[in-house]
Amino acid sequence: DATTIGGFLVIFVGFCLIKRRQLAAELPAMRAAI
């Protein structure tokens, strides 16, 4: 249902906020690896 999808997206946004610096630092390497 939509509630399950919505809860998942909110949790994922929270993770991205907490890990924003590490994710930004990893993005170039992740793009190169892909």
ModelCIF file with pLDDT and N, C-alpha, C, O atoms, coordinates in Angstrom:
data_MODEL
#
_entry.id   MODEL 
#
_entity.id                         1 
_entity.type                       polymer 
_entity.pdbx_number_of_molecules   1 
#
_entity_poly.entity_id                      1 
_entity_poly.type                           'polypeptide(L)' 
_entity_poly.nstd_linkage                   no 
_entity_poly.nstd_monomer                   no 
_entity_poly.pdbx_seq_one_letter_code       DATTIGGFLVIFVGFCLIKRRQLAAELPAMRAAI 
_entity_poly.pdbx_seq_one_letter_code_can   DATTIGGFLVIFVGFCLIKRRQLAAELPAMRAAI 
_entity_poly.pdbx_strand_id                 A 
#
loop_
_entity_poly_seq.entity_id 
_entity_poly_seq.num 
_entity_poly_seq.mon_id 
_entity_poly_seq.hetero 
1 1  ASP n 
1 2  ALA n 
1 3  THR n 
1 4  THR n 
1 5  ILE n 
1 6  GLY n 
1 7  GLY n 
1 8  PHE n 
1 9  LEU n 
1 10 VAL n 
1 11 ILE n 
1 12 PHE n 
1 13 VAL n 
1 14 GLY n 
1 15 PHE n 
1 16 CYS n 
1 17 LEU n 
1 18 ILE n 
1 19 LYS n 
1 20 ARG n 
1 21 ARG n 
1 22 GLN n 
1 23 LEU n 
1 24 ALA n 
1 25 ALA n 
1 26 GLU n 
1 27 LEU n 
1 28 PRO n 
1 29 ALA n 
1 30 MET n 
1 31 ARG n 
1 32 ALA n 
1 33 ALA n 
1 34 ILE n 
#
_struct_asym.id          A 
_struct_asym.entity_id   1 
#
loop_
_ma_qa_metric.id 
_ma_qa_metric.mode 
_ma_qa_metric.name 
_ma_qa_metric.software_group_id 
_ma_qa_metric.type 
1 global pLDDT . pLDDT 
2 local  pLDDT . pLDDT 
#
_ma_qa_metric_global.metric_id      1 
_ma_qa_metric_global.metric_value   68.79 
_ma_qa_metric_global.model_id       1 
_ma_qa_metric_global.ordinal_id     1 
#
loop_
_ma_qa_metric_local.label_asym_id 
_ma_qa_metric_local.label_comp_id 
_ma_qa_metric_local.label_seq_id 
_ma_qa_metric_local.metric_id 
_ma_qa_metric_local.metric_value 
_ma_qa_metric_local.model_id 
_ma_qa_metric_local.ordinal_id 
A ASP 1  2 75.00 1 1  
A ALA 2  2 78.00 1 2  
A THR 3  2 75.00 1 3  
A THR 4  2 72.00 1 4  
A ILE 5  2 77.00 1 5  
A GLY 6  2 78.00 1 6  
A GLY 7  2 73.00 1 7  
A PHE 8  2 73.00 1 8  
A LEU 9  2 81.00 1 9  
A VAL 10 2 77.00 1 10 
A ILE 11 2 72.00 1 11 
A PHE 12 2 76.00 1 12 
A VAL 13 2 79.00 1 13 
A GLY 14 2 73.00 1 14 
A PHE 15 2 70.00 1 15 
A CYS 16 2 74.00 1 16 
A LEU 17 2 74.00 1 17 
A ILE 18 2 67.00 1 18 
A LYS 19 2 66.00 1 19 
A ARG 20 2 72.00 1 20 
A ARG 21 2 69.00 1 21 
A GLN 22 2 63.00 1 22 
A LEU 23 2 63.00 1 23 
A ALA 24 2 70.00 1 24 
A ALA 25 2 67.00 1 25 
A GLU 26 2 59.00 1 26 
A LEU 27 2 63.00 1 27 
A PRO 28 2 64.00 1 28 
A ALA 29 2 59.00 1 29 
A MET 30 2 54.00 1 30 
A ARG 31 2 59.00 1 31 
A ALA 32 2 59.00 1 32 
A ALA 33 2 55.00 1 33 
A ILE 34 2 53.00 1 34 
#
loop_
_atom_site.group_PDB 
_atom_site.id 
_atom_site.type_symbol 
_atom_site.label_atom_id 
_atom_site.label_alt_id 
_atom_site.label_comp_id 
_atom_site.label_asym_id 
_atom_site.label_entity_id 
_atom_site.label_seq_id 
_atom_site.pdbx_PDB_ins_code 
_atom_site.Cartn_x 
_atom_site.Cartn_y 
_atom_site.Cartn_z 
_atom_site.occupancy 
_atom_site.B_iso_or_equiv 
_atom_site.pdbx_formal_charge 
_atom_site.auth_seq_id 
_atom_site.auth_comp_id 
_atom_site.auth_asym_id 
_atom_site.auth_atom_id 
_atom_site.pdbx_PDB_model_num 
ATOM 1   N N  . ASP A 1 1  ? 0.821  -1.209 0.000   1.00 75.00 ? 1  ASP A N  1 
ATOM 2   C CA . ASP A 1 1  ? 0.000  0.000  0.000   1.00 75.00 ? 1  ASP A CA 1 
ATOM 3   C C  . ASP A 1 1  ? 0.858  1.264  0.000   1.00 75.00 ? 1  ASP A C  1 
ATOM 4   O O  . ASP A 1 1  ? 2.075  1.214  0.180   1.00 75.00 ? 1  ASP A O  1 
ATOM 5   N N  . ALA A 1 2  ? 0.193  2.390  -0.206  1.00 78.00 ? 2  ALA A N  1 
ATOM 6   C CA . ALA A 1 2  ? 0.886  3.673  -0.293  1.00 78.00 ? 2  ALA A CA 1 
ATOM 7   C C  . ALA A 1 2  ? 1.562  4.034  1.021   1.00 78.00 ? 2  ALA A C  1 
ATOM 8   O O  . ALA A 1 2  ? 2.601  4.695  1.017   1.00 78.00 ? 2  ALA A O  1 
ATOM 9   N N  . THR A 1 3  ? 0.995  3.614  2.138   1.00 75.00 ? 3  THR A N  1 
ATOM 10  C CA . THR A 1 3  ? 1.583  3.934  3.435   1.00 75.00 ? 3  THR A CA 1 
ATOM 11  C C  . THR A 1 3  ? 2.940  3.271  3.592   1.00 75.00 ? 3  THR A C  1 
ATOM 12  O O  . THR A 1 3  ? 3.876  3.892  4.096   1.00 75.00 ? 3  THR A O  1 
ATOM 13  N N  . THR A 1 4  ? 3.061  2.021  3.172   1.00 72.00 ? 4  THR A N  1 
ATOM 14  C CA . THR A 1 4  ? 4.344  1.321  3.246   1.00 72.00 ? 4  THR A CA 1 
ATOM 15  C C  . THR A 1 4  ? 5.389  2.015  2.379   1.00 72.00 ? 4  THR A C  1 
ATOM 16  O O  . THR A 1 4  ? 6.524  2.219  2.809   1.00 72.00 ? 4  THR A O  1 
ATOM 17  N N  . ILE A 1 5  ? 5.006  2.374  1.165   1.00 77.00 ? 5  ILE A N  1 
ATOM 18  C CA . ILE A 1 5  ? 5.935  3.068  0.262   1.00 77.00 ? 5  ILE A CA 1 
ATOM 19  C C  . ILE A 1 5  ? 6.329  4.424  0.845   1.00 77.00 ? 5  ILE A C  1 
ATOM 20  O O  . ILE A 1 5  ? 7.499  4.803  0.802   1.00 77.00 ? 5  ILE A O  1 
ATOM 21  N N  . GLY A 1 6  ? 5.354  5.157  1.390   1.00 78.00 ? 6  GLY A N  1 
ATOM 22  C CA . GLY A 1 6  ? 5.637  6.461  1.968   1.00 78.00 ? 6  GLY A CA 1 
ATOM 23  C C  . GLY A 1 6  ? 6.571  6.373  3.166   1.00 78.00 ? 6  GLY A C  1 
ATOM 24  O O  . GLY A 1 6  ? 7.498  7.173  3.289   1.00 78.00 ? 6  GLY A O  1 
ATOM 25  N N  . GLY A 1 7  ? 6.333  5.403  4.051   1.00 73.00 ? 7  GLY A N  1 
ATOM 26  C CA . GLY A 1 7  ? 7.214  5.227  5.201   1.00 73.00 ? 7  GLY A CA 1 
ATOM 27  C C  . GLY A 1 7  ? 8.638  4.918  4.789   1.00 73.00 ? 7  GLY A C  1 
ATOM 28  O O  . GLY A 1 7  ? 9.590  5.439  5.370   1.00 73.00 ? 7  GLY A O  1 
ATOM 29  N N  . PHE A 1 8  ? 8.782  4.066  3.781   1.00 73.00 ? 8  PHE A N  1 
ATOM 30  C CA . PHE A 1 8  ? 10.107 3.725  3.275   1.00 73.00 ? 8  PHE A CA 1 
ATOM 31  C C  . PHE A 1 8  ? 10.832 4.960  2.736   1.00 73.00 ? 8  PHE A C  1 
ATOM 32  O O  . PHE A 1 8  ? 12.011 5.161  3.026   1.00 73.00 ? 8  PHE A O  1 
ATOM 33  N N  . LEU A 1 9  ? 10.136 5.786  1.957   1.00 81.00 ? 9  LEU A N  1 
ATOM 34  C CA . LEU A 1 9  ? 10.755 6.972  1.365   1.00 81.00 ? 9  LEU A CA 1 
ATOM 35  C C  . LEU A 1 9  ? 11.185 7.969  2.435   1.00 81.00 ? 9  LEU A C  1 
ATOM 36  O O  . LEU A 1 9  ? 12.247 8.581  2.319   1.00 81.00 ? 9  LEU A O  1 
ATOM 37  N N  . VAL A 1 10 ? 10.371 8.138  3.476   1.00 77.00 ? 10 VAL A N  1 
ATOM 38  C CA . VAL A 1 10 ? 10.736 9.059  4.557   1.00 77.00 ? 10 VAL A CA 1 
ATOM 39  C C  . VAL A 1 10 ? 11.988 8.560  5.276   1.00 77.00 ? 10 VAL A C  1 
ATOM 40  O O  . VAL A 1 10 ? 12.883 9.351  5.576   1.00 77.00 ? 10 VAL A O  1 
ATOM 41  N N  . ILE A 1 11 ? 12.062 7.262  5.554   1.00 72.00 ? 11 ILE A N  1 
ATOM 42  C CA . ILE A 1 11 ? 13.249 6.692  6.202   1.00 72.00 ? 11 ILE A CA 1 
ATOM 43  C C  . ILE A 1 11 ? 14.483 6.877  5.315   1.00 72.00 ? 11 ILE A C  1 
ATOM 44  O O  . ILE A 1 11 ? 15.562 7.208  5.806   1.00 72.00 ? 11 ILE A O  1 
ATOM 45  N N  . PHE A 1 12 ? 14.318 6.661  4.010   1.00 76.00 ? 12 PHE A N  1 
ATOM 46  C CA . PHE A 1 12 ? 15.452 6.794  3.090   1.00 76.00 ? 12 PHE A CA 1 
ATOM 47  C C  . PHE A 1 12 ? 15.954 8.237  3.042   1.00 76.00 ? 12 PHE A C  1 
ATOM 48  O O  . PHE A 1 12 ? 17.163 8.466  3.005   1.00 76.00 ? 12 PHE A O  1 
ATOM 49  N N  . VAL A 1 13 ? 15.042 9.210  3.042   1.00 79.00 ? 13 VAL A N  1 
ATOM 50  C CA . VAL A 1 13 ? 15.458 10.621 3.060   1.00 79.00 ? 13 VAL A CA 1 
ATOM 51  C C  . VAL A 1 13 ? 16.226 10.926 4.349   1.00 79.00 ? 13 VAL A C  1 
ATOM 52  O O  . VAL A 1 13 ? 17.218 11.654 4.329   1.00 79.00 ? 13 VAL A O  1 
ATOM 53  N N  . GLY A 1 14 ? 15.761 10.364 5.467   1.00 73.00 ? 14 GLY A N  1 
ATOM 54  C CA . GLY A 1 14 ? 16.468 10.553 6.726   1.00 73.00 ? 14 GLY A CA 1 
ATOM 55  C C  . GLY A 1 14 ? 17.884 10.012 6.663   1.00 73.00 ? 14 GLY A C  1 
ATOM 56  O O  . GLY A 1 14 ? 18.821 10.652 7.141   1.00 73.00 ? 14 GLY A O  1 
ATOM 57  N N  . PHE A 1 15 ? 18.043 8.825  6.070   1.00 70.00 ? 15 PHE A N  1 
ATOM 58  C CA . PHE A 1 15 ? 19.379 8.243  5.901   1.00 70.00 ? 15 PHE A CA 1 
ATOM 59  C C  . PHE A 1 15 ? 20.267 9.152  5.055   1.00 70.00 ? 15 PHE A C  1 
ATOM 60  O O  . PHE A 1 15 ? 21.430 9.375  5.391   1.00 70.00 ? 15 PHE A O  1 
ATOM 61  N N  . CYS A 1 16 ? 19.721 9.675  3.958   1.00 74.00 ? 16 CYS A N  1 
ATOM 62  C CA . CYS A 1 16 ? 20.514 10.538 3.073   1.00 74.00 ? 16 CYS A CA 1 
ATOM 63  C C  . CYS A 1 16 ? 20.942 11.819 3.774   1.00 74.00 ? 16 CYS A C  1 
ATOM 64  O O  . CYS A 1 16 ? 22.044 12.313 3.534   1.00 74.00 ? 16 CYS A O  1 
ATOM 65  N N  . LEU A 1 17 ? 20.092 12.365 4.636   1.00 74.00 ? 17 LEU A N  1 
ATOM 66  C CA . LEU A 1 17 ? 20.461 13.562 5.388   1.00 74.00 ? 17 LEU A CA 1 
ATOM 67  C C  . LEU A 1 17 ? 21.613 13.281 6.358   1.00 74.00 ? 17 LEU A C  1 
ATOM 68  O O  . LEU A 1 17 ? 22.561 14.060 6.458   1.00 74.00 ? 17 LEU A O  1 
ATOM 69  N N  . ILE A 1 18 ? 21.513 12.170 7.061   1.00 67.00 ? 18 ILE A N  1 
ATOM 70  C CA . ILE A 1 18 ? 22.553 11.832 8.032   1.00 67.00 ? 18 ILE A CA 1 
ATOM 71  C C  . ILE A 1 18 ? 23.879 11.537 7.338   1.00 67.00 ? 18 ILE A C  1 
ATOM 72  O O  . ILE A 1 18 ? 24.941 11.922 7.827   1.00 67.00 ? 18 ILE A O  1 
ATOM 73  N N  . LYS A 1 19 ? 23.813 10.857 6.206   1.00 66.00 ? 19 LYS A N  1 
ATOM 74  C CA . LYS A 1 19 ? 25.025 10.432 5.497   1.00 66.00 ? 19 LYS A CA 1 
ATOM 75  C C  . LYS A 1 19 ? 25.358 11.346 4.314   1.00 66.00 ? 19 LYS A C  1 
ATOM 76  O O  . LYS A 1 19 ? 26.075 10.932 3.403   1.00 66.00 ? 19 LYS A O  1 
ATOM 77  N N  . ARG A 1 20 ? 24.852 12.571 4.314   1.00 72.00 ? 20 ARG A N  1 
ATOM 78  C CA . ARG A 1 20 ? 24.979 13.430 3.135   1.00 72.00 ? 20 ARG A CA 1 
ATOM 79  C C  . ARG A 1 20 ? 26.435 13.686 2.759   1.00 72.00 ? 20 ARG A C  1 
ATOM 80  O O  . ARG A 1 20 ? 26.773 13.661 1.575   1.00 72.00 ? 20 ARG A O  1 
ATOM 81  N N  . ARG A 1 21 ? 27.311 13.933 3.747   1.00 69.00 ? 21 ARG A N  1 
ATOM 82  C CA . ARG A 1 21 ? 28.709 14.210 3.423   1.00 69.00 ? 21 ARG A CA 1 
ATOM 83  C C  . ARG A 1 21 ? 29.405 12.973 2.865   1.00 69.00 ? 21 ARG A C  1 
ATOM 84  O O  . ARG A 1 21 ? 30.133 13.050 1.875   1.00 69.00 ? 21 ARG A O  1 
ATOM 85  N N  . GLN A 1 22 ? 29.171 11.827 3.514   1.00 63.00 ? 22 GLN A N  1 
ATOM 86  C CA . GLN A 1 22 ? 29.804 10.595 3.038   1.00 63.00 ? 22 GLN A CA 1 
ATOM 87  C C  . GLN A 1 22 ? 29.299 10.206 1.657   1.00 63.00 ? 22 GLN A C  1 
ATOM 88  O O  . GLN A 1 22 ? 30.069 9.748  0.814   1.00 63.00 ? 22 GLN A O  1 
ATOM 89  N N  . LEU A 1 23 ? 27.992 10.390 1.427   1.00 63.00 ? 23 LEU A N  1 
ATOM 90  C CA . LEU A 1 23 ? 27.437 10.068 0.114   1.00 63.00 ? 23 LEU A CA 1 
ATOM 91  C C  . LEU A 1 23 ? 28.006 10.995 -0.957  1.00 63.00 ? 23 LEU A C  1 
ATOM 92  O O  . LEU A 1 23 ? 28.331 10.547 -2.056  1.00 63.00 ? 23 LEU A O  1 
ATOM 93  N N  . ALA A 1 24 ? 28.130 12.289 -0.641  1.00 70.00 ? 24 ALA A N  1 
ATOM 94  C CA . ALA A 1 24 ? 28.697 13.227 -1.608  1.00 70.00 ? 24 ALA A CA 1 
ATOM 95  C C  . ALA A 1 24 ? 30.140 12.870 -1.936  1.00 70.00 ? 24 ALA A C  1 
ATOM 96  O O  . ALA A 1 24 ? 30.573 12.982 -3.083  1.00 70.00 ? 24 ALA A O  1 
ATOM 97  N N  . ALA A 1 25 ? 30.885 12.434 -0.910  1.00 67.00 ? 25 ALA A N  1 
ATOM 98  C CA . ALA A 1 25 ? 32.279 12.052 -1.148  1.00 67.00 ? 25 ALA A CA 1 
ATOM 99  C C  . ALA A 1 25 ? 32.389 10.771 -1.956  1.00 67.00 ? 25 ALA A C  1 
ATOM 100 O O  . ALA A 1 25 ? 33.353 10.575 -2.696  1.00 67.00 ? 25 ALA A O  1 
ATOM 101 N N  . GLU A 1 26 ? 31.393 9.895  -1.812  1.00 59.00 ? 26 GLU A N  1 
ATOM 102 C CA . GLU A 1 26 ? 31.442 8.608  -2.505  1.00 59.00 ? 26 GLU A CA 1 
ATOM 103 C C  . GLU A 1 26 ? 30.905 8.676  -3.932  1.00 59.00 ? 26 GLU A C  1 
ATOM 104 O O  . GLU A 1 26 ? 31.219 7.805  -4.744  1.00 59.00 ? 26 GLU A O  1 
ATOM 105 N N  . LEU A 1 27 ? 30.100 9.694  -4.258  1.00 63.00 ? 27 LEU A N  1 
ATOM 106 C CA . LEU A 1 27 ? 29.437 9.730  -5.561  1.00 63.00 ? 27 LEU A CA 1 
ATOM 107 C C  . LEU A 1 27 ? 30.400 9.646  -6.740  1.00 63.00 ? 27 LEU A C  1 
ATOM 108 O O  . LEU A 1 27 ? 30.145 8.867  -7.658  1.00 63.00 ? 27 LEU A O  1 
ATOM 109 N N  . PRO A 1 28 ? 31.515 10.423 -6.763  1.00 64.00 ? 28 PRO A N  1 
ATOM 110 C CA . PRO A 1 28 ? 32.436 10.294 -7.907  1.00 64.00 ? 28 PRO A CA 1 
ATOM 111 C C  . PRO A 1 28 ? 32.964 8.876  -8.084  1.00 64.00 ? 28 PRO A C  1 
ATOM 112 O O  . PRO A 1 28 ? 33.031 8.362  -9.200  1.00 64.00 ? 28 PRO A O  1 
ATOM 113 N N  . ALA A 1 29 ? 33.341 8.246  -6.966  1.00 59.00 ? 29 ALA A N  1 
ATOM 114 C CA . ALA A 1 29 ? 33.862 6.882  -7.053  1.00 59.00 ? 29 ALA A CA 1 
ATOM 115 C C  . ALA A 1 29 ? 32.772 5.907  -7.504  1.00 59.00 ? 29 ALA A C  1 
ATOM 116 O O  . ALA A 1 29 ? 33.035 4.985  -8.276  1.00 59.00 ? 29 ALA A O  1 
ATOM 117 N N  . MET A 1 30 ? 31.537 6.121  -7.010  1.00 54.00 ? 30 MET A N  1 
ATOM 118 C CA . MET A 1 30 ? 30.435 5.241  -7.402  1.00 54.00 ? 30 MET A CA 1 
ATOM 119 C C  . MET A 1 30 ? 30.127 5.390  -8.892  1.00 54.00 ? 30 MET A C  1 
ATOM 120 O O  . MET A 1 30 ? 29.887 4.395  -9.577  1.00 54.00 ? 30 MET A O  1 
ATOM 121 N N  . ARG A 1 31 ? 30.133 6.630  -9.399  1.00 59.00 ? 31 ARG A N  1 
ATOM 122 C CA . ARG A 1 31 ? 29.890 6.841  -10.818 1.00 59.00 ? 31 ARG A CA 1 
ATOM 123 C C  . ARG A 1 31 ? 30.971 6.184  -11.668 1.00 59.00 ? 31 ARG A C  1 
ATOM 124 O O  . ARG A 1 31 ? 30.683 5.557  -12.688 1.00 59.00 ? 31 ARG A O  1 
ATOM 125 N N  . ALA A 1 32 ? 32.237 6.339  -11.225 1.00 59.00 ? 32 ALA A N  1 
ATOM 126 C CA . ALA A 1 32 ? 33.353 5.741  -11.971 1.00 59.00 ? 32 ALA A CA 1 
ATOM 127 C C  . ALA A 1 32 ? 33.255 4.216  -11.967 1.00 59.00 ? 32 ALA A C  1 
ATOM 128 O O  . ALA A 1 32 ? 33.517 3.561  -12.976 1.00 59.00 ? 32 ALA A O  1 
ATOM 129 N N  . ALA A 1 33 ? 32.868 3.656  -10.801 1.00 55.00 ? 33 ALA A N  1 
ATOM 130 C CA . ALA A 1 33 ? 32.755 2.207  -10.720 1.00 55.00 ? 33 ALA A CA 1 
ATOM 131 C C  . ALA A 1 33 ? 31.648 1.680  -11.612 1.00 55.00 ? 33 ALA A C  1 
ATOM 132 O O  . ALA A 1 33 ? 31.808 0.651  -12.269 1.00 55.00 ? 33 ALA A O  1 
ATOM 133 N N  . ILE A 1 34 ? 30.510 2.392  -11.637 1.00 53.00 ? 34 ILE A N  1 
ATOM 134 C CA . ILE A 1 34 ? 29.385 1.973  -12.501 1.00 53.00 ? 34 ILE A CA 1 
ATOM 135 C C  . ILE A 1 34 ? 29.788 2.054  -13.969 1.00 53.00 ? 34 ILE A C  1 
ATOM 136 O O  . ILE A 1 34 ? 28.983 1.744  -14.848 1.00 53.00 ? 34 ILE A O  1 
#
